[in-house]
Each structure stands twice: as C-alpha cells, then as structure tokens.
C-alpha cells in the first residue's frame, strides 16, 4: 500500500511540477500526498478484504487516468490543461473503481449461483 501510494504521489507531482512546469508548492504537494494515501488505502483495504478484481480495475483506471491527464498537458486549452487533466484523471480513477465494484458483484453472483 505504501509503495502504491508513493508511486501515485510521484506521478501526480511529476505531472504538476514537471509536465505543466508549475513552480513547486509544498501545500499542493501535501494535498497530492493525502489524495494518494486515501486512494491507495481504499483500494488496498478492499483488496485485503478479497476484492482482487476491484484492485486490478482501479489500478487500470489510475494508469489510464494518468495517461489521459498527461495528454491534456500538450493540448492548447488556454490555461485549462491542468484542471481538465486532473478532472479526467479523477473520472478515470472513479470509473475504474466502479468497474471493479461491478466486476466483483458479477463474480460474487456467479460464484453464489454455482454453489446452489
């Protein structure tokens, strides 16, 4: 969980301060650390409870979200690149989480049906 959180935090810092070229701000870096800690904690806690498909789908959503967020960096959006990129990252991350929940639900239904 800690490694996942640190990697997510470093990806967010990489995007904000290197790709977007913003000056370093410790408050924003701490907010990104809190976001990475919460996301990592939630995903790994549910994975520890047995939701393997949720972990896989959520991680895929995080990776896809980072790719989309980085692609918005190079679009000419008159200063909206950072907000549009972060919102697309959040939507992809949440989409992966919801897809993982749905996959876990279908898996449990199939498993329960086979037991009957």
Protein backbone atom coordinates (compact mmCIF):
# COMPACT_ATOMS: atom_id res chain seq x y z
CA UNK A 1 0.00 0.00 0.00
CA UNK A 2 2.77 2.43 0.89
CA UNK A 3 4.67 1.82 -2.35
CA UNK A 4 1.46 2.22 -4.39
CA UNK A 5 0.70 5.49 -2.59
CA UNK A 6 4.21 6.86 -3.06
CA UNK A 7 4.18 5.95 -6.76
CA UNK A 8 0.82 7.62 -7.26
CA UNK A 9 2.04 10.69 -5.37
CA UNK A 10 5.18 10.86 -7.50
CA UNK A 11 3.11 10.59 -10.70
CA UNK A 12 0.91 13.47 -9.55
CA UNK A 13 3.97 15.55 -8.66
CA UNK A 14 5.59 14.69 -11.98
CA UNK A 15 2.57 15.93 -13.86
CA UNK A 16 2.05 19.11 -11.88
CA UNK A 17 5.58 20.35 -11.46
CA UNK A 18 7.46 18.88 -14.43
CA UNK A 19 4.97 18.43 -17.26
CA UNK A 20 2.93 21.56 -16.53
CA UNK A 21 6.01 23.50 -15.43
CA UNK A 22 4.39 24.99 -12.33
CA UNK A 23 6.65 26.26 -9.52
CA UNK A 24 6.92 23.90 -6.56
CA UNK A 25 4.30 24.46 -3.87
CA UNK A 26 4.58 22.42 -0.68
CA UNK A 27 0.88 22.76 0.12
CA UNK A 28 -0.15 21.28 -3.22
CA UNK A 29 2.44 18.52 -2.82
CA UNK A 30 0.97 17.65 0.59
CA UNK A 31 -2.54 17.64 -0.85
CA UNK A 32 -1.39 15.26 -3.56
CA UNK A 33 0.19 13.08 -0.86
CA UNK A 34 -3.11 12.99 1.03
CA UNK A 35 -5.03 12.13 -2.14
CA UNK A 36 -2.57 9.34 -2.99
CA UNK A 37 -2.74 8.00 0.57
CA UNK A 38 -6.55 7.93 0.60
CA UNK A 39 -6.81 6.31 -2.84
CA UNK A 40 -4.13 3.75 -2.06
CA UNK A 41 -5.60 3.00 1.34
CA UNK A 42 -9.12 2.46 0.00
CA UNK A 43 -8.03 0.29 -2.92
CA UNK A 44 -5.69 -1.83 -0.83
CA UNK A 45 -8.09 -2.18 2.11
CA UNK A 46 -10.76 -3.56 -0.20
CA UNK A 47 -8.16 -5.74 -1.90
CA UNK A 48 -7.13 -7.07 1.51
CA UNK A 49 -10.77 -8.00 2.08
CA UNK A 50 -10.62 -10.12 -1.07
CA UNK A 51 -11.65 -7.77 -3.89
CA UNK A 52 -8.88 -8.66 -6.35
CA UNK A 53 -10.86 -7.55 -9.40
CA UNK A 54 -11.50 -4.19 -7.78
CA UNK A 55 -7.76 -3.69 -7.26
CA UNK A 56 -6.99 -4.59 -10.88
CA UNK A 57 -9.71 -2.38 -12.36
CA UNK A 58 -8.88 0.54 -10.06
CA UNK A 59 -5.19 0.33 -10.92
CA UNK A 60 -6.06 0.23 -14.62
CA UNK A 61 -8.24 3.31 -14.09
CA UNK A 62 -5.40 5.13 -12.34
CA UNK A 63 -2.97 4.30 -15.16
CA UNK A 64 -5.46 5.28 -17.86
CA UNK A 65 -6.28 8.46 -15.96
CA UNK A 66 -2.64 9.45 -15.74
CA UNK A 67 -2.15 8.85 -19.48
CA UNK A 68 -5.21 10.99 -20.29
CA UNK A 69 -4.11 13.66 -17.82
CA UNK A 70 -0.66 13.78 -19.41
CA UNK A 71 -2.19 14.01 -22.89
CA UNK A 72 -4.17 17.10 -21.85
CA UNK A 73 -0.88 18.76 -20.94
CA UNK A 74 0.09 19.11 -24.58
CA UNK A 75 -3.24 20.50 -25.81
CA UNK A 76 -3.70 24.22 -26.27
CA UNK A 77 -6.64 24.86 -23.95
CA UNK A 78 -5.83 28.45 -22.93
CA UNK A 79 -4.73 27.59 -19.42
CA UNK A 80 -7.33 24.91 -18.65
CA UNK A 81 -4.96 21.99 -19.23
CA UNK A 82 -4.29 21.40 -15.55
CA UNK A 83 -7.94 21.38 -14.48
CA UNK A 84 -9.16 19.33 -17.46
CA UNK A 85 -6.32 16.86 -16.98
CA UNK A 86 -6.93 16.43 -13.26
CA UNK A 87 -10.69 16.03 -13.75
CA UNK A 88 -10.13 13.42 -16.44
CA UNK A 89 -7.72 11.63 -14.08
CA UNK A 90 -10.36 11.65 -11.34
CA UNK A 91 -13.09 10.41 -13.67
CA UNK A 92 -10.91 7.59 -14.99
CA UNK A 93 -9.90 6.63 -11.48
CA UNK A 94 -13.52 6.58 -10.30
CA UNK A 95 -14.57 4.76 -13.46
CA UNK A 96 -12.03 2.03 -12.77
CA UNK A 97 -13.25 1.78 -9.19
CA UNK A 98 -16.91 1.48 -10.25
CA UNK A 99 -15.99 -1.05 -12.94
CA UNK A 100 -14.12 -3.04 -10.31
CA UNK A 101 -17.12 -2.96 -7.98
CA UNK A 102 -19.35 -4.17 -10.81
CA UNK A 103 -16.89 -6.93 -11.70
CA UNK A 104 -16.74 -8.05 -8.06
CA UNK A 105 -20.54 -8.08 -7.90
CA UNK A 106 -20.82 -10.20 -11.05
CA UNK A 107 -18.12 -12.54 -9.75
CA UNK A 108 -19.95 -12.99 -6.45
CA UNK A 109 -23.24 -13.67 -8.25
CA UNK A 110 -21.62 -16.29 -10.48
CA UNK A 111 -19.90 -17.87 -7.51
CA UNK A 112 -23.13 -17.98 -5.50
CA UNK A 113 -25.07 -19.38 -8.44
CA UNK A 114 -22.59 -22.23 -8.85
CA UNK A 115 -22.93 -23.16 -5.18
CA UNK A 116 -26.69 -23.60 -5.45
